Amino acid sequence: MNEEGHETTALTIAAPTACCRSPSPPRLTGAIQRKDKAVTEIDIPSVELNNGQSMPKVGYGVFQVPPPETAVAVKAAIEAGYRSIDTATLYGNESGVGQAIAESDVPREELFLTTKLWNDAHGYDATLKAFDQSLAELGTDYVDLYLIHWPMPKVDLYVETWKAFERIHSEGRAKAIGVSNFQPAHLDRLAEESGIVPAVNQIEAHPYLQQREAREYDAAHGIVTEAWSPLAKGGTLLADPAVTRLAEKHGRTAAQIVLRWHLQLDNVIIPKSVTPSRMAENLQLFDFSLDDADMAALAELDRGERTGPDPDTFNRR
């Protein structure tokens, strides 16, 4: 199963390059001042969730980052200016994320931390237990966003699971709650049988799988769409002539073109890289824009091609 991003190169620490500021508020400032060096300041715009919480529009995903490398990678991401970190029980690296946050010069309250409930813990009591375990692994007493990773329709416990999420939220231990890989039909059922509309729906989305129906549903119901695997499989999409032509036109990398496309569709993105220069590159998105012709060219790439499972049929615990 493929999720956020495509890069798996070994990590070496390097200084990030500069990025121009976005003109659009609100924003979180990614800046660290150290005794021995100053890290470039990057202004990352944020989106307001339906419960009033603010979430950075660009985050750092740690899917497939090996647990022993996670702390170093996340610390490098924070140094590069990221203030949103996305992990999950499935990834097996929550403790590394927690270590990086604890060792960072950035206060916990200035970071936006997301984790996800894995499929083997669906159900009310199991969810509460799994959440406690995630907090212990992360070394924190709250997360900013907690997501149901998959609906698992055949198991059919996602409504009961969501009710446990509502309790966690009411206790203040998750500032916002949401879902991942939920289709409109799953969201309709949550609306009918529960009291809180998910703040976020994190789904696979990229130019080869544009998810128009899901994005339109989310927007109509006040749900922020967050894209995992925003660059698809990386090499194939980033070598597509439609993408490379735009990269040449704007003097940008192919990855920056695709990530900018997401932002102009109002998708929150969580690209993944363990190479510091690419971490920085993935934040350099706010000093250029794609015009209508550019967006139309990328719209034509949609072919319904998934890199991960189909949420309607995926039921693996």
Protein backbone atom coordinates (compact mmCIF):
# COMPACT_ATOMS: atom_id res chain seq x y z
CA MET A 1 0.00 0.00 0.00
CA ASN A 2 1.42 3.36 -1.06
CA GLU A 3 0.68 6.52 0.86
CA GLU A 4 2.30 9.92 1.26
CA GLY A 5 4.97 10.56 -1.37
CA HIS A 6 7.68 8.63 -3.10
CA GLU A 7 11.12 9.46 -1.74
CA THR A 8 13.12 6.91 0.29
CA THR A 9 16.69 8.22 0.05
CA ALA A 10 19.02 8.18 3.07
CA LEU A 11 18.91 11.26 5.26
CA THR A 12 21.68 13.81 5.56
CA ILE A 13 21.16 17.17 7.23
CA ALA A 14 21.53 20.24 5.02
CA ALA A 15 20.37 23.84 5.23
CA PRO A 16 17.11 24.55 3.39
CA THR A 17 16.92 27.11 0.62
CA ALA A 18 14.88 30.27 0.94
CA CYS A 19 11.22 30.56 0.11
CA CYS A 20 9.22 33.70 -0.58
CA ARG A 21 6.31 34.48 1.69
CA SER A 22 2.73 33.82 0.75
CA PRO A 23 0.55 36.91 0.58
CA SER A 24 -2.52 35.10 1.93
CA PRO A 25 -3.29 34.81 5.69
CA PRO A 26 -3.72 33.05 8.00
CA ARG A 27 -0.32 31.45 8.34
CA LEU A 28 1.99 29.69 10.72
CA THR A 29 5.60 30.83 10.76
CA GLY A 30 8.17 28.07 10.43
CA ALA A 31 11.24 29.62 11.98
CA ILE A 32 13.78 28.31 14.47
CA GLN A 33 16.46 30.43 16.11
CA ARG A 34 19.38 28.43 17.50
CA LYS A 35 22.47 29.61 19.31
CA ASP A 36 24.72 28.36 16.52
CA LYS A 37 22.56 29.05 13.46
CA ALA A 38 19.36 30.61 12.19
CA VAL A 39 17.03 28.57 10.03
CA THR A 40 15.29 30.27 7.12
CA GLU A 41 11.86 31.66 8.02
CA ILE A 42 9.01 30.20 5.97
CA ASP A 43 5.43 31.39 6.19
CA ILE A 44 3.07 28.45 5.70
CA PRO A 45 -0.58 29.40 5.10
CA SER A 46 -3.16 27.54 7.14
CA VAL A 47 -6.79 26.55 6.70
CA GLU A 48 -9.45 26.93 9.37
CA LEU A 49 -11.18 23.65 10.18
CA ASN A 50 -14.91 23.44 10.87
CA ASN A 51 -14.30 23.56 14.62
CA GLY A 52 -12.14 26.69 14.48
CA GLN A 53 -8.74 24.97 14.69
CA SER A 54 -6.05 26.05 12.22
CA MET A 55 -4.16 23.46 10.16
CA PRO A 56 -1.12 24.18 7.97
CA LYS A 57 -1.80 23.66 4.28
CA VAL A 58 1.49 21.78 3.88
CA GLY A 59 2.60 19.09 6.31
CA TYR A 60 5.29 16.45 6.54
CA GLY A 61 4.25 12.81 6.19
CA VAL A 62 6.27 9.95 7.68
CA PHE A 63 4.71 6.98 5.87
CA GLN A 64 7.44 4.39 5.17
CA VAL A 65 10.07 6.32 7.10
CA PRO A 66 11.85 3.53 9.03
CA PRO A 67 11.36 3.90 12.80
CA PRO A 68 15.12 4.27 13.54
CA GLU A 69 15.31 7.17 11.05
CA THR A 70 12.09 8.92 11.99
CA ALA A 71 13.37 11.20 14.75
CA VAL A 72 16.19 12.52 12.55
CA ALA A 73 13.85 13.00 9.58
CA VAL A 74 11.20 14.82 11.59
CA LYS A 75 13.76 17.07 13.27
CA ALA A 76 15.10 17.95 9.82
CA ALA A 77 11.56 18.69 8.63
CA ILE A 78 10.93 20.99 11.59
CA GLU A 79 14.23 22.76 10.89
CA ALA A 80 13.14 23.19 7.27
CA GLY A 81 10.00 24.98 8.48
CA TYR A 82 7.31 22.30 8.70
CA ARG A 83 4.86 22.72 11.55
CA SER A 84 2.49 19.86 10.71
CA ILE A 85 3.57 16.24 11.13
CA ASP A 86 1.42 13.31 9.95
CA THR A 87 1.94 9.81 11.33
CA ALA A 88 -0.22 6.74 12.10
CA THR A 89 -0.25 3.65 14.26
CA LEU A 90 0.29 1.59 11.11
CA TYR A 91 3.58 3.32 10.33
CA GLY A 92 5.22 2.07 13.52
CA ASN A 93 7.10 5.34 13.99
CA GLU A 94 4.96 7.36 16.41
CA SER A 95 7.69 7.15 19.06
CA GLY A 96 10.24 8.63 16.67
CA VAL A 97 7.89 11.49 15.90
CA GLY A 98 7.41 12.07 19.61
CA GLN A 99 11.16 12.03 20.20
CA ALA A 100 11.72 14.63 17.49
CA ILE A 101 9.02 16.90 18.90
CA ALA A 102 10.42 16.58 22.42
CA GLU A 103 13.94 17.42 21.24
CA SER A 104 12.85 20.28 18.97
CA ASP A 105 13.30 23.94 19.87
CA VAL A 106 9.73 24.53 18.66
CA PRO A 107 7.12 24.42 21.45
CA ARG A 108 4.57 21.61 21.21
CA GLU A 109 1.68 24.08 20.93
CA GLU A 110 3.21 25.50 17.73
CA LEU A 111 3.14 22.09 16.03
CA PHE A 112 0.14 20.39 14.44
CA LEU A 113 0.33 16.65 15.10
CA THR A 114 -1.84 14.09 13.31
CA THR A 115 -2.06 10.36 13.92
CA LYS A 116 -4.47 7.68 12.77
CA LEU A 117 -6.30 4.71 14.24
CA TRP A 118 -5.44 1.43 12.54
CA ASN A 119 -8.05 -1.04 11.35
CA ASP A 120 -7.52 -3.66 14.07
CA ALA A 121 -8.78 -1.23 16.71
CA HIS A 122 -12.22 -0.36 15.34
CA GLY A 123 -14.99 -0.37 17.94
CA TYR A 124 -15.66 1.93 20.88
CA ASP A 125 -13.52 0.42 23.64
CA ALA A 126 -10.75 -0.71 21.29
CA THR A 127 -10.50 2.82 19.88
CA LEU A 128 -10.11 4.40 23.31
CA LYS A 129 -7.38 1.92 24.21
CA ALA A 130 -5.56 2.43 20.90
CA PHE A 131 -5.67 6.21 21.30
CA ASP A 132 -4.12 5.97 24.77
CA GLN A 133 -1.35 3.85 23.26
CA SER A 134 -0.73 6.40 20.51
CA LEU A 135 -0.43 9.20 23.06
CA ALA A 136 2.06 7.11 25.02
CA GLU A 137 4.12 6.43 21.89
CA LEU A 138 4.04 10.10 20.90
CA GLY A 139 4.89 11.27 24.41
CA THR A 140 2.14 13.89 24.41
CA ASP A 141 -1.17 14.36 26.18
CA TYR A 142 -3.08 15.44 23.06
CA VAL A 143 -3.00 15.37 19.29
CA ASP A 144 -4.21 18.12 17.01
CA LEU A 145 -5.98 15.74 14.64
CA TYR A 146 -7.01 12.10 15.05
CA LEU A 147 -8.21 10.18 11.99
CA ILE A 148 -9.94 6.85 11.34
CA HIS A 149 -7.47 5.42 8.83
CA TRP A 150 -9.95 3.36 6.76
CA PRO A 151 -13.74 2.88 6.96
CA MET A 152 -13.57 -0.92 6.50
CA PRO A 153 -17.22 -1.16 5.35
CA LYS A 154 -17.38 -4.96 5.56
CA VAL A 155 -16.38 -4.86 9.24
CA ASP A 156 -18.95 -2.07 9.71
CA LEU A 157 -17.72 -0.58 12.98
CA TYR A 158 -16.77 2.88 11.78
CA VAL A 159 -19.84 4.58 13.29
CA GLU A 160 -19.16 3.04 16.70
CA THR A 161 -15.51 3.99 16.28
CA TRP A 162 -16.49 7.56 15.44
CA LYS A 163 -18.51 7.81 18.64
CA ALA A 164 -15.32 7.01 20.56
CA PHE A 165 -13.61 9.75 18.55
CA GLU A 166 -16.33 12.16 19.66
CA ARG A 167 -15.59 11.29 23.28
CA ILE A 168 -11.85 11.79 22.77
CA HIS A 169 -12.57 15.18 21.22
CA SER A 170 -14.93 16.20 24.03
CA GLU A 171 -12.18 15.41 26.54
CA GLY A 172 -9.80 17.76 24.71
CA ARG A 173 -7.33 15.01 23.89
CA ALA A 174 -7.83 15.49 20.15
CA LYS A 175 -8.28 19.11 19.14
CA ALA A 176 -9.97 17.97 15.92
CA ILE A 177 -11.19 14.61 14.63
CA GLY A 178 -11.56 13.36 11.10
CA VAL A 179 -11.40 10.43 8.77
CA SER A 180 -9.20 9.03 6.04
CA ASN A 181 -10.22 7.25 2.86
CA PHE A 182 -13.94 7.79 3.49
CA GLN A 183 -16.28 7.89 0.52
CA PRO A 184 -19.35 10.20 0.43
CA ALA A 185 -21.62 7.28 1.38
CA HIS A 186 -19.53 6.61 4.51
CA LEU A 187 -19.67 10.29 5.43
CA ASP A 188 -23.42 10.41 4.89
CA ARG A 189 -23.85 7.61 7.39
CA LEU A 190 -21.68 9.35 9.97
CA ALA A 191 -23.82 12.47 9.55
CA GLU A 192 -27.00 10.46 10.10
CA GLU A 193 -25.79 8.55 13.16
CA SER A 194 -23.47 10.92 15.02
CA GLY A 195 -23.15 14.50 16.16
CA ILE A 196 -19.84 15.83 14.83
CA VAL A 197 -18.95 16.39 11.18
CA PRO A 198 -15.36 15.25 10.46
CA ALA A 199 -12.96 18.18 10.21
CA VAL A 200 -10.76 16.47 7.63
CA ASN A 201 -11.03 13.66 5.09
CA GLN A 202 -7.56 12.48 4.11
CA ILE A 203 -7.76 10.66 0.77
CA GLU A 204 -5.47 9.56 -2.01
CA ALA A 205 -5.43 12.39 -4.53
CA HIS A 206 -3.09 13.48 -7.32
CA PRO A 207 -3.45 14.43 -11.01
CA TYR A 208 -3.97 10.78 -11.99
CA LEU A 209 -6.72 10.39 -9.32
CA GLN A 210 -8.34 13.78 -8.88
CA GLN A 211 -11.29 12.71 -6.71
CA ARG A 212 -13.65 15.42 -7.92
CA GLU A 213 -16.77 13.88 -6.37
CA ALA A 214 -15.12 13.39 -2.98
CA ARG A 215 -13.60 16.88 -2.98
CA GLU A 216 -16.91 18.49 -3.94
CA TYR A 217 -18.72 16.54 -1.22
CA ASP A 218 -16.15 17.54 1.38
CA ALA A 219 -16.33 21.22 0.41
CA ALA A 220 -20.14 21.21 0.52
CA HIS A 221 -20.11 19.78 4.05
CA GLY A 222 -17.34 21.91 5.54
CA ILE A 223 -14.76 19.11 5.48
CA VAL A 224 -11.17 19.86 4.48
CA THR A 225 -9.74 17.48 1.89
CA GLU A 226 -6.19 16.38 2.64
CA ALA A 227 -4.24 14.51 -0.04
CA TRP A 228 -2.04 11.56 0.76
CA SER A 229 0.31 10.40 -1.97
CA PRO A 230 0.04 13.89 -3.50
CA LEU A 231 2.75 13.03 -6.03
CA ALA A 232 1.28 9.60 -6.88
CA LYS A 233 4.15 7.17 -7.47
CA GLY A 234 6.50 10.05 -8.07
CA GLY A 235 8.55 9.00 -11.06
CA THR A 236 5.68 8.29 -13.45
CA LEU A 237 3.62 11.39 -12.72
CA LEU A 238 6.59 13.70 -12.41
CA ALA A 239 7.86 12.58 -15.81
CA ASP A 240 4.50 13.14 -17.49
CA PRO A 241 4.95 15.61 -20.38
CA ALA A 242 2.04 17.73 -19.17
CA VAL A 243 3.81 18.20 -15.84
CA THR A 244 7.33 18.67 -17.21
CA ARG A 245 6.12 21.31 -19.68
CA LEU A 246 4.68 23.33 -16.82
CA ALA A 247 7.84 22.85 -14.77
CA GLU A 248 9.87 24.32 -17.64
CA LYS A 249 7.37 27.15 -18.13
CA HIS A 250 7.51 28.24 -14.49
CA GLY A 251 11.15 27.38 -13.77
CA ARG A 252 10.09 24.93 -11.07
CA THR A 253 10.49 21.24 -10.37
CA ALA A 254 7.79 18.82 -11.47
CA ALA A 255 7.00 18.09 -7.81
CA GLN A 256 6.46 21.78 -7.10
CA ILE A 257 4.05 22.03 -10.04
CA VAL A 258 1.95 19.13 -8.74
CA LEU A 259 1.98 20.36 -5.16
CA ARG A 260 0.98 23.86 -6.27
CA TRP A 261 -1.89 22.30 -8.26
CA HIS A 262 -3.14 20.69 -5.05
CA LEU A 263 -3.03 23.98 -3.16
CA GLN A 264 -5.01 25.77 -5.85
CA LEU A 265 -7.67 23.05 -5.52
CA ASP A 266 -7.74 23.77 -1.75
CA ASN A 267 -6.22 20.39 -0.88
CA VAL A 268 -4.03 20.19 2.22
CA ILE A 269 -0.92 18.20 1.29
CA ILE A 270 1.55 15.99 3.16
CA PRO A 271 4.47 15.28 0.81
CA LYS A 272 7.16 12.97 2.12
CA SER A 273 10.89 13.09 1.60
CA VAL A 274 13.83 12.22 3.82
CA THR A 275 16.19 14.43 1.83
CA PRO A 276 16.46 17.89 3.44
CA SER A 277 16.86 19.71 0.13
CA ARG A 278 13.59 18.19 -1.09
CA MET A 279 11.89 18.89 2.22
CA ALA A 280 12.71 22.56 1.65
CA GLU A 281 11.74 22.39 -2.03
CA ASN A 282 8.31 21.05 -1.09
CA LEU A 283 7.66 24.21 0.92
CA GLN A 284 8.63 26.60 -1.88
CA LEU A 285 5.13 26.78 -3.30
CA PHE A 286 3.79 30.18 -2.34
CA ASP A 287 5.67 32.59 -4.62
CA PHE A 288 4.17 31.40 -7.91
CA SER A 289 0.81 30.24 -9.23
CA LEU A 290 -0.64 28.20 -12.06
CA ASP A 291 -2.93 29.96 -14.52
CA ASP A 292 -6.24 28.64 -15.81
CA ALA A 293 -4.60 26.98 -18.82
CA ASP A 294 -2.10 25.23 -16.54
CA MET A 295 -4.87 23.93 -14.29
CA ALA A 296 -6.87 22.75 -17.31
CA ALA A 297 -3.86 20.86 -18.66
CA LEU A 298 -3.45 19.03 -15.36
CA ALA A 299 -7.19 18.36 -15.12
CA GLU A 300 -6.90 16.31 -18.31
CA LEU A 301 -4.53 13.84 -16.60
CA ASP A 302 -7.26 12.32 -14.44
CA ARG A 303 -7.58 8.60 -15.17
CA GLY A 304 -8.86 7.21 -11.89
CA GLU A 305 -5.56 5.50 -11.17
CA ARG A 306 -5.03 4.52 -7.54
CA THR A 307 -1.68 3.73 -5.97
CA GLY A 308 -3.39 2.35 -2.86
CA PRO A 309 -6.47 0.27 -2.02
CA ASP A 310 -10.08 1.06 -2.89
CA PRO A 311 -11.89 2.27 0.27
CA ASP A 312 -15.08 0.49 -0.78
CA THR A 313 -13.40 -2.92 -0.69
CA PHE A 314 -10.40 -2.57 1.64
CA ASN A 315 -11.10 -4.38 4.92
CA ARG A 316 -7.68 -5.63 6.05
CA ARG A 317 -7.01 -5.46 9.77
